[in-house]
Amino acid sequence: MAGEKAVAAKPKAKTTKKSVRKTPTRLYSKGTILGYKRSKSNCYATCTLVKIDGVQTKEDAQWYFGKRIAYIYRAK
């Protein structure tokens, strides 16, 4: 109108985003295959015993029960 001044929008100053690199989440745990579940005379080949690194108690192992295992090895 008559007494108002038009205000131009100031362009926003470019801000540099710091890229925060997250450390990648490891989706596996290393372990060692100990053998099959067995008794004195029977061997159950469908049930493999695995020692998982960092798991010491039954309570720690509860999370791993029923999970799948990938057998990965390196050939020389």
C-alpha atoms as a PDB file:
ATOM      1  CA  MET A   1       0.000   0.000   0.000  1.00  0.00           C
ATOM      2  CA  ALA A   2       1.003   3.626   0.179  1.00  0.00           C
ATOM      3  CA  GLY A   3       3.059   3.687   3.411  1.00  0.00           C
ATOM      4  CA  GLU A   4       4.354   0.088   3.414  1.00  0.00           C
ATOM      5  CA  LYS A   5       7.735  -0.966   2.148  1.00  0.00           C
ATOM      6  CA  ALA A   6       8.191  -4.201   0.337  1.00  0.00           C
ATOM      7  CA  VAL A   7      10.737  -6.424   2.008  1.00  0.00           C
ATOM      8  CA  ALA A   8      12.582  -8.795  -0.268  1.00  0.00           C
ATOM      9  CA  ALA A   9      13.260 -12.238   1.141  1.00  0.00           C
ATOM     10  CA  LYS A  10      16.920 -12.720   1.889  1.00  0.00           C
ATOM     11  CA  PRO A  11      18.431 -15.842   0.379  1.00  0.00           C
ATOM     12  CA  LYS A  12      19.426 -18.309   3.053  1.00  0.00           C
ATOM     13  CA  ALA A  13      23.127 -18.677   3.588  1.00  0.00           C
ATOM     14  CA  LYS A  14      24.407 -22.073   2.593  1.00  0.00           C
ATOM     15  CA  THR A  15      25.200 -24.141   5.607  1.00  0.00           C
ATOM     16  CA  THR A  16      27.596 -27.001   5.367  1.00  0.00           C
ATOM     17  CA  LYS A  17      26.304 -30.184   6.878  1.00  0.00           C
ATOM     18  CA  LYS A  18      28.847 -32.229   8.679  1.00  0.00           C
ATOM     19  CA  SER A  19      28.436 -35.766   7.517  1.00  0.00           C
ATOM     20  CA  VAL A  20      28.395 -37.947  10.559  1.00  0.00           C
ATOM     21  CA  ARG A  21      29.720 -41.366   9.726  1.00  0.00           C
ATOM     22  CA  LYS A  22      28.231 -44.039  11.850  1.00  0.00           C
ATOM     23  CA  THR A  23      30.289 -47.076  12.526  1.00  0.00           C
ATOM     24  CA  PRO A  24      28.811 -49.999  10.633  1.00  0.00           C
ATOM     25  CA  THR A  25      26.812 -52.409  12.728  1.00  0.00           C
ATOM     26  CA  ARG A  26      28.146 -55.927  12.637  1.00  0.00           C
ATOM     27  CA  LEU A  27      25.320 -58.341  11.945  1.00  0.00           C
ATOM     28  CA  TYR A  28      27.172 -61.470  12.905  1.00  0.00           C
ATOM     29  CA  SER A  29      29.091 -62.979  15.799  1.00  0.00           C
ATOM     30  CA  LYS A  30      32.141 -65.145  15.415  1.00  0.00           C
ATOM     31  CA  GLY A  31      32.029 -68.643  16.817  1.00  0.00           C
ATOM     32  CA  THR A  32      33.527 -72.106  16.734  1.00  0.00           C
ATOM     33  CA  ILE A  33      31.805 -75.358  15.822  1.00  0.00           C
ATOM     34  CA  LEU A  34      32.418 -77.848  18.632  1.00  0.00           C
ATOM     35  CA  GLY A  35      30.686 -80.883  17.162  1.00  0.00           C
ATOM     36  CA  TYR A  36      27.344 -82.635  17.325  1.00  0.00           C
ATOM     37  CA  LYS A  37      25.065 -83.023  20.308  1.00  0.00           C
ATOM     38  CA  ARG A  38      25.741 -86.498  21.636  1.00  0.00           C
ATOM     39  CA  SER A  39      25.426 -88.859  24.505  1.00  0.00           C
ATOM     40  CA  LYS A  40      27.639 -91.791  25.393  1.00  0.00           C
ATOM     41  CA  SER A  41      26.301 -93.997  22.615  1.00  0.00           C
ATOM     42  CA  ASN A  42      24.164 -91.756  20.369  1.00  0.00           C
ATOM     43  CA  CYS A  43      25.186 -88.911  18.062  1.00  0.00           C
ATOM     44  CA  TYR A  44      22.596 -86.390  16.850  1.00  0.00           C
ATOM     45  CA  ALA A  45      23.846 -84.965  13.557  1.00  0.00           C
ATOM     46  CA  THR A  46      20.926 -82.535  13.215  1.00  0.00           C
ATOM     47  CA  CYS A  47      21.930 -80.563  16.324  1.00  0.00           C
ATOM     48  CA  THR A  48      25.332 -78.841  16.194  1.00  0.00           C
ATOM     49  CA  LEU A  49      27.037 -77.329  19.242  1.00  0.00           C
ATOM     50  CA  VAL A  50      28.502 -73.863  18.654  1.00  0.00           C
ATOM     51  CA  LYS A  51      30.641 -71.739  20.998  1.00  0.00           C
ATOM     52  CA  ILE A  52      29.918 -68.062  20.278  1.00  0.00           C
ATOM     53  CA  ASP A  53      32.640 -65.560  21.168  1.00  0.00           C
ATOM     54  CA  GLY A  54      31.588 -63.242  23.993  1.00  0.00           C
ATOM     55  CA  VAL A  55      28.775 -65.471  25.268  1.00  0.00           C
ATOM     56  CA  GLN A  56      29.573 -66.923  28.688  1.00  0.00           C
ATOM     57  CA  THR A  57      26.262 -67.683  30.431  1.00  0.00           C
ATOM     58  CA  LYS A  58      22.923 -69.256  29.585  1.00  0.00           C
ATOM     59  CA  GLU A  59      21.246 -65.862  29.927  1.00  0.00           C
ATOM     60  CA  ASP A  60      23.583 -64.406  27.280  1.00  0.00           C
ATOM     61  CA  ALA A  61      22.876 -67.332  24.977  1.00  0.00           C
ATOM     62  CA  GLN A  62      19.072 -66.956  25.165  1.00  0.00           C
ATOM     63  CA  TRP A  63      19.063 -64.371  22.375  1.00  0.00           C
ATOM     64  CA  TYR A  64      20.851 -66.728  19.974  1.00  0.00           C
ATOM     65  CA  PHE A  65      18.505 -69.691  20.438  1.00  0.00           C
ATOM     66  CA  GLY A  66      16.740 -70.567  17.190  1.00  0.00           C
ATOM     67  CA  LYS A  67      18.838 -68.207  15.045  1.00  0.00           C
ATOM     68  CA  ARG A  68      20.377 -69.379  11.805  1.00  0.00           C
ATOM     69  CA  ILE A  69      24.105 -69.901  11.355  1.00  0.00           C
ATOM     70  CA  ALA A  70      26.251 -69.249   8.299  1.00  0.00           C
ATOM     71  CA  TYR A  71      29.262 -71.530   7.980  1.00  0.00           C
ATOM     72  CA  ILE A  72      32.002 -69.386   6.463  1.00  0.00           C
ATOM     73  CA  TYR A  73      35.567 -70.518   5.979  1.00  0.00           C
ATOM     74  CA  ARG A  74      38.622 -69.296   4.136  1.00  0.00           C
ATOM     75  CA  ALA A  75      40.481 -71.676   1.895  1.00  0.00           C
ATOM     76  CA  LYS A  76      44.220 -71.376   1.574  1.00  0.00           C
END
